[in-house]
Amino acid sequence: MQEALVEAEGNQEQAIEILRKHGLASARKKEGRIAAEGAVGSYIHMGGKVGVLVEVNCETDFVARGEEFQQLVKDIAMHIASGDLATFRRKSHREAIDKEREIASAQARNDSEER
């Protein structure tokens, strides 16, 4: 993080983008691993108008059975249920979509440079 902050001249948002762009390269090193274990969690909001079903995978059943992992699955489901679904509407968030597209392009460039 410190190197990214230096590269971004102290701008935290830009440093996060730099880390995300470089992050795919380190993720490629782990791509051969199989996340065949995991858990399914759900959250139904009071009144039953909002419900979420989520699957979170991990590499081992030991992790999947752990209390912390189970809590993570529940927290993710609750977080999704509490989110603003408008963020998923393409027309209302063009700037965010363009930024994500830029990050994905940089990740692809970094990945091809490593190979």
N, C-alpha and C. Protein backbone atom coordinates (compact mmCIF):
# COMPACT_ATOMS: atom_id res chain seq x y z
N MET A 1 0.83 -1.19 0.00
CA MET A 1 0.00 0.00 0.00
C MET A 1 0.87 1.25 0.00
N GLN A 2 1.96 1.20 0.72
CA GLN A 2 2.82 2.37 0.83
C GLN A 2 3.41 2.73 -0.53
N GLU A 3 3.82 1.74 -1.30
CA GLU A 3 4.38 2.01 -2.62
C GLU A 3 3.31 2.61 -3.53
N ALA A 4 2.09 2.12 -3.43
CA ALA A 4 1.00 2.66 -4.24
C ALA A 4 0.70 4.10 -3.85
N LEU A 5 0.76 4.40 -2.57
CA LEU A 5 0.55 5.78 -2.11
C LEU A 5 1.63 6.71 -2.64
N VAL A 6 2.86 6.23 -2.66
CA VAL A 6 3.95 7.04 -3.18
C VAL A 6 3.72 7.29 -4.67
N GLU A 7 3.37 6.22 -5.40
CA GLU A 7 3.11 6.35 -6.84
C GLU A 7 1.94 7.29 -7.12
N ALA A 8 0.93 7.28 -6.23
CA ALA A 8 -0.25 8.12 -6.38
C ALA A 8 -0.07 9.49 -5.74
N GLU A 9 1.14 9.76 -5.27
CA GLU A 9 1.45 11.04 -4.63
C GLU A 9 0.52 11.36 -3.47
N GLY A 10 0.22 10.34 -2.66
CA GLY A 10 -0.58 10.51 -1.45
C GLY A 10 -2.08 10.44 -1.64
N ASN A 11 -2.56 10.34 -2.86
CA ASN A 11 -4.00 10.26 -3.13
C ASN A 11 -4.48 8.83 -2.87
N GLN A 12 -5.29 8.65 -1.80
CA GLN A 12 -5.70 7.30 -1.40
C GLN A 12 -6.57 6.62 -2.46
N GLU A 13 -7.50 7.34 -3.06
CA GLU A 13 -8.37 6.73 -4.07
C GLU A 13 -7.56 6.25 -5.26
N GLN A 14 -6.62 7.05 -5.69
CA GLN A 14 -5.77 6.66 -6.81
C GLN A 14 -4.88 5.48 -6.42
N ALA A 15 -4.41 5.45 -5.18
CA ALA A 15 -3.59 4.33 -4.70
C ALA A 15 -4.39 3.03 -4.71
N ILE A 16 -5.65 3.11 -4.33
CA ILE A 16 -6.51 1.92 -4.35
C ILE A 16 -6.67 1.42 -5.78
N GLU A 17 -6.86 2.33 -6.73
CA GLU A 17 -6.97 1.94 -8.14
C GLU A 17 -5.69 1.26 -8.61
N ILE A 18 -4.54 1.81 -8.22
CA ILE A 18 -3.26 1.22 -8.61
C ILE A 18 -3.15 -0.19 -8.06
N LEU A 19 -3.51 -0.38 -6.80
CA LEU A 19 -3.46 -1.71 -6.19
C LEU A 19 -4.41 -2.68 -6.90
N ARG A 20 -5.59 -2.21 -7.25
CA ARG A 20 -6.55 -3.08 -7.95
C ARG A 20 -6.03 -3.47 -9.32
N LYS A 21 -5.40 -2.52 -10.02
CA LYS A 21 -4.87 -2.81 -11.35
C LYS A 21 -3.75 -3.85 -11.29
N HIS A 22 -2.93 -3.79 -10.25
CA HIS A 22 -1.83 -4.74 -10.10
C HIS A 22 -2.28 -6.03 -9.41
N GLY A 23 -3.44 -6.00 -8.79
CA GLY A 23 -3.91 -7.15 -8.02
C GLY A 23 -4.20 -8.38 -8.84
N LEU A 24 -4.62 -8.19 -10.08
CA LEU A 24 -4.95 -9.34 -10.91
C LEU A 24 -3.73 -10.21 -11.16
N ALA A 25 -2.57 -9.58 -11.28
CA ALA A 25 -1.35 -10.34 -11.54
C ALA A 25 -1.07 -11.31 -10.41
N SER A 26 -1.22 -10.86 -9.17
CA SER A 26 -0.97 -11.76 -8.05
C SER A 26 -2.07 -12.81 -7.94
N ALA A 27 -3.27 -12.46 -8.35
CA ALA A 27 -4.36 -13.43 -8.32
C ALA A 27 -4.13 -14.54 -9.35
N ARG A 28 -3.50 -14.20 -10.47
CA ARG A 28 -3.21 -15.20 -11.51
C ARG A 28 -2.33 -16.33 -10.98
N LYS A 29 -1.46 -16.01 -10.02
CA LYS A 29 -0.58 -17.03 -9.46
C LYS A 29 -1.37 -18.09 -8.71
N LYS A 30 -2.55 -17.72 -8.23
CA LYS A 30 -3.37 -18.63 -7.44
C LYS A 30 -4.50 -19.26 -8.25
N GLU A 31 -4.58 -18.97 -9.56
CA GLU A 31 -5.73 -19.39 -10.34
C GLU A 31 -5.85 -20.91 -10.48
N GLY A 32 -4.77 -21.64 -10.26
CA GLY A 32 -4.84 -23.09 -10.37
C GLY A 32 -5.52 -23.75 -9.18
N ARG A 33 -5.64 -23.02 -8.11
CA ARG A 33 -6.29 -23.57 -6.93
C ARG A 33 -7.79 -23.72 -7.15
N ILE A 34 -8.36 -24.72 -6.55
CA ILE A 34 -9.80 -24.96 -6.72
C ILE A 34 -10.52 -24.65 -5.42
N ALA A 35 -11.52 -23.81 -5.52
CA ALA A 35 -12.35 -23.47 -4.36
C ALA A 35 -13.62 -24.32 -4.45
N ALA A 36 -13.48 -25.58 -4.06
CA ALA A 36 -14.58 -26.53 -4.23
C ALA A 36 -15.43 -26.69 -2.97
N GLU A 37 -15.03 -26.07 -1.90
CA GLU A 37 -15.78 -26.14 -0.65
C GLU A 37 -16.46 -24.79 -0.43
N GLY A 38 -17.28 -24.70 0.58
CA GLY A 38 -17.89 -23.41 0.87
C GLY A 38 -19.20 -23.57 1.62
N ALA A 39 -20.00 -22.52 1.55
CA ALA A 39 -21.27 -22.51 2.26
C ALA A 39 -22.28 -21.64 1.52
N VAL A 40 -23.54 -21.96 1.72
CA VAL A 40 -24.63 -21.16 1.18
C VAL A 40 -25.31 -20.50 2.37
N GLY A 41 -25.55 -19.20 2.24
CA GLY A 41 -26.20 -18.47 3.31
C GLY A 41 -27.38 -17.69 2.76
N SER A 42 -28.29 -17.35 3.64
CA SER A 42 -29.45 -16.59 3.19
C SER A 42 -29.78 -15.50 4.20
N TYR A 43 -30.52 -14.52 3.71
CA TYR A 43 -31.02 -13.47 4.58
C TYR A 43 -32.37 -13.05 4.04
N ILE A 44 -33.37 -13.07 4.88
CA ILE A 44 -34.71 -12.60 4.53
C ILE A 44 -35.01 -11.42 5.45
N HIS A 45 -35.26 -10.27 4.84
CA HIS A 45 -35.55 -9.07 5.63
C HIS A 45 -36.96 -9.17 6.19
N MET A 46 -37.16 -8.49 7.32
CA MET A 46 -38.49 -8.50 7.95
C MET A 46 -39.55 -8.11 6.92
N GLY A 47 -40.64 -8.82 6.92
CA GLY A 47 -41.71 -8.56 5.97
C GLY A 47 -41.59 -9.41 4.72
N GLY A 48 -40.44 -10.00 4.51
CA GLY A 48 -40.26 -10.93 3.41
C GLY A 48 -40.19 -10.29 2.03
N LYS A 49 -40.02 -8.99 1.94
CA LYS A 49 -39.98 -8.34 0.63
C LYS A 49 -38.59 -8.40 0.00
N VAL A 50 -37.56 -8.58 0.81
CA VAL A 50 -36.19 -8.66 0.31
C VAL A 50 -35.57 -9.93 0.84
N GLY A 51 -35.00 -10.70 -0.06
CA GLY A 51 -34.31 -11.92 0.33
C GLY A 51 -33.07 -12.12 -0.51
N VAL A 52 -32.05 -12.70 0.10
CA VAL A 52 -30.79 -12.93 -0.60
C VAL A 52 -30.34 -14.35 -0.32
N LEU A 53 -29.87 -15.02 -1.36
CA LEU A 53 -29.26 -16.33 -1.23
C LEU A 53 -27.87 -16.20 -1.85
N VAL A 54 -26.83 -16.53 -1.08
CA VAL A 54 -25.46 -16.33 -1.55
C VAL A 54 -24.64 -17.59 -1.31
N GLU A 55 -23.75 -17.88 -2.26
CA GLU A 55 -22.81 -18.99 -2.13
C GLU A 55 -21.41 -18.41 -2.07
N VAL A 56 -20.65 -18.79 -1.05
CA VAL A 56 -19.27 -18.34 -0.92
C VAL A 56 -18.39 -19.58 -0.86
N ASN A 57 -17.41 -19.62 -1.75
CA ASN A 57 -16.54 -20.80 -1.84
C ASN A 57 -15.18 -20.54 -1.22
N CYS A 58 -14.54 -21.63 -0.81
CA CYS A 58 -13.19 -21.59 -0.27
C CYS A 58 -12.49 -22.87 -0.67
N GLU A 59 -11.24 -23.00 -0.29
CA GLU A 59 -10.45 -24.15 -0.73
C GLU A 59 -10.63 -25.41 0.11
N THR A 60 -10.95 -25.26 1.40
CA THR A 60 -11.01 -26.45 2.24
C THR A 60 -12.30 -26.51 3.04
N ASP A 61 -12.72 -27.73 3.36
CA ASP A 61 -13.92 -27.90 4.18
C ASP A 61 -13.65 -27.44 5.62
N PHE A 62 -12.39 -27.50 6.03
CA PHE A 62 -12.03 -27.02 7.37
C PHE A 62 -12.39 -25.55 7.51
N VAL A 63 -12.06 -24.76 6.51
CA VAL A 63 -12.40 -23.33 6.52
C VAL A 63 -13.90 -23.15 6.42
N ALA A 64 -14.54 -23.90 5.52
CA ALA A 64 -15.98 -23.75 5.29
C ALA A 64 -16.81 -24.01 6.54
N ARG A 65 -16.34 -24.91 7.39
CA ARG A 65 -17.09 -25.24 8.61
C ARG A 65 -16.80 -24.28 9.75
N GLY A 66 -15.81 -23.45 9.60
CA GLY A 66 -15.41 -22.54 10.67
C GLY A 66 -16.46 -21.48 10.97
N GLU A 67 -16.50 -21.10 12.23
CA GLU A 67 -17.47 -20.10 12.69
C GLU A 67 -17.28 -18.75 11.98
N GLU A 68 -16.02 -18.36 11.80
CA GLU A 68 -15.75 -17.07 11.16
C GLU A 68 -16.22 -17.07 9.70
N PHE A 69 -16.01 -18.18 9.01
CA PHE A 69 -16.43 -18.27 7.61
C PHE A 69 -17.96 -18.24 7.51
N GLN A 70 -18.62 -18.97 8.40
CA GLN A 70 -20.08 -18.98 8.42
C GLN A 70 -20.63 -17.57 8.68
N GLN A 71 -19.98 -16.85 9.59
CA GLN A 71 -20.41 -15.48 9.88
C GLN A 71 -20.17 -14.58 8.67
N LEU A 72 -19.07 -14.80 7.97
CA LEU A 72 -18.79 -14.04 6.76
C LEU A 72 -19.89 -14.23 5.73
N VAL A 73 -20.32 -15.47 5.53
CA VAL A 73 -21.38 -15.76 4.57
C VAL A 73 -22.67 -15.03 4.95
N LYS A 74 -23.02 -15.07 6.22
CA LYS A 74 -24.22 -14.36 6.68
C LYS A 74 -24.08 -12.85 6.49
N ASP A 75 -22.90 -12.32 6.82
CA ASP A 75 -22.67 -10.89 6.68
C ASP A 75 -22.75 -10.44 5.22
N ILE A 76 -22.22 -11.25 4.32
CA ILE A 76 -22.28 -10.92 2.90
C ILE A 76 -23.73 -10.88 2.42
N ALA A 77 -24.51 -11.88 2.81
CA ALA A 77 -25.92 -11.90 2.42
C ALA A 77 -26.65 -10.67 2.95
N MET A 78 -26.40 -10.32 4.21
CA MET A 78 -27.05 -9.15 4.80
C MET A 78 -26.59 -7.86 4.11
N HIS A 79 -25.33 -7.80 3.80
CA HIS A 79 -24.79 -6.61 3.13
C HIS A 79 -25.43 -6.43 1.75
N ILE A 80 -25.57 -7.51 1.02
CA ILE A 80 -26.20 -7.43 -0.30
C ILE A 80 -27.65 -6.97 -0.17
N ALA A 81 -28.35 -7.51 0.82
CA ALA A 81 -29.75 -7.14 1.01
C ALA A 81 -29.90 -5.66 1.38
N SER A 82 -28.91 -5.11 2.07
CA SER A 82 -29.01 -3.72 2.49
C SER A 82 -28.54 -2.74 1.43
N GLY A 83 -27.96 -3.27 0.35
CA GLY A 83 -27.40 -2.41 -0.69
C GLY A 83 -28.46 -1.68 -1.49
N ASP A 84 -28.00 -0.63 -2.14
CA ASP A 84 -28.86 0.16 -3.02
C ASP A 84 -28.85 -0.50 -4.39
N LEU A 85 -29.93 -1.10 -4.77
CA LEU A 85 -29.98 -1.83 -6.03
C LEU A 85 -29.83 -0.91 -7.23
N ALA A 86 -29.97 0.38 -7.03
CA ALA A 86 -29.78 1.33 -8.13
C ALA A 86 -28.35 1.29 -8.64
N THR A 87 -27.40 0.87 -7.82
CA THR A 87 -26.01 0.83 -8.27
C THR A 87 -25.81 -0.21 -9.36
N PHE A 88 -26.77 -1.08 -9.54
CA PHE A 88 -26.67 -2.09 -10.58
C PHE A 88 -27.34 -1.66 -11.88
N ARG A 89 -27.90 -0.49 -11.90
CA ARG A 89 -28.54 0.02 -13.11
C ARG A 89 -27.51 0.74 -13.96
N ARG A 90 -27.30 0.27 -15.14
CA ARG A 90 -26.24 0.75 -16.02
C ARG A 90 -26.35 2.24 -16.31
N LYS A 91 -27.49 2.75 -16.67
CA LYS A 91 -27.62 4.13 -17.11
C LYS A 91 -27.35 5.13 -15.99
N SER A 92 -27.66 4.79 -14.76
CA SER A 92 -27.53 5.75 -13.68
C SER A 92 -26.12 5.88 -13.12
N HIS A 93 -25.20 5.02 -13.56
CA HIS A 93 -23.85 5.04 -12.99
C HIS A 93 -22.78 4.87 -14.06
N ARG A 94 -22.88 5.64 -15.12
CA ARG A 94 -21.94 5.56 -16.23
C ARG A 94 -20.50 5.80 -15.79
N GLU A 95 -20.26 6.78 -14.92
CA GLU A 95 -18.91 7.11 -14.48
C GLU A 95 -18.26 5.93 -13.74
N ALA A 96 -19.01 5.31 -12.85
CA ALA A 96 -18.48 4.16 -12.10
C ALA A 96 -18.18 2.99 -13.04
N ILE A 97 -19.04 2.78 -14.01
CA ILE A 97 -18.83 1.69 -14.97
C ILE A 97 -17.58 1.96 -15.80
N ASP A 98 -17.41 3.19 -16.25
CA ASP A 98 -16.22 3.54 -17.04
C ASP A 98 -14.94 3.35 -16.23
N LYS A 99 -14.98 3.70 -14.94
CA LYS A 99 -13.82 3.54 -14.07
C LYS A 99 -13.48 2.06 -13.90
N GLU A 100 -14.51 1.23 -13.70
CA GLU A 100 -14.28 -0.22 -13.56
C GLU A 100 -13.73 -0.80 -14.86
N ARG A 101 -14.21 -0.31 -15.98
CA ARG A 101 -13.72 -0.76 -17.29
C ARG A 101 -12.23 -0.42 -17.44
N GLU A 102 -11.85 0.79 -17.01
CA GLU A 102 -10.45 1.22 -17.07
C GLU A 102 -9.57 0.32 -16.20
N ILE A 103 -10.04 0.00 -15.01
CA ILE A 103 -9.29 -0.87 -14.10
C ILE A 103 -9.13 -2.26 -14.70
N ALA A 104 -10.21 -2.80 -15.27
CA ALA A 104 -10.15 -4.13 -15.88
C ALA A 104 -9.17 -4.15 -17.06
N SER A 105 -9.14 -3.07 -17.84
CA SER A 105 -8.20 -2.99 -18.96
C SER A 105 -6.76 -2.97 -18.46
N ALA A 106 -6.50 -2.20 -17.41
CA ALA A 106 -5.15 -2.15 -16.85
C ALA A 106 -4.74 -3.50 -16.28
N GLN A 107 -5.68 -4.21 -15.65
CA GLN A 107 -5.38 -5.54 -15.13
C GLN A 107 -5.00 -6.48 -16.27
N ALA A 108 -5.72 -6.40 -17.37
CA ALA A 108 -5.43 -7.26 -18.52
C ALA A 108 -4.06 -6.93 -19.11
N ARG A 109 -3.73 -5.64 -19.20
CA ARG A 109 -2.41 -5.26 -19.70
C ARG A 109 -1.30 -5.79 -18.79
N ASN A 110 -1.48 -5.63 -17.47
CA ASN A 110 -0.47 -6.10 -16.51
C ASN A 110 -0.31 -7.61 -16.60
N ASP A 111 -1.42 -8.31 -16.80
CA ASP A 111 -1.37 -9.76 -16.89
C ASP A 111 -0.60 -10.20 -18.14
N SER A 112 -0.86 -9.55 -19.27
CA SER A 112 -0.17 -9.93 -20.50
C SER A 112 1.31 -9.59 -20.44
N GLU A 113 1.68 -8.55 -19.70
CA GLU A 113 3.09 -8.20 -19.54
C GLU A 113 3.84 -9.24 -18.72
N GLU A 114 3.16 -9.85 -17.74
CA GLU A 114 3.81 -10.85 -16.89
C GLU A 114 4.07 -12.14 -17.62
N ARG A 115 3.25 -12.45 -18.59
CA ARG A 115 3.40 -13.72 -19.32
C ARG A 115 4.46 -13.58 -20.31
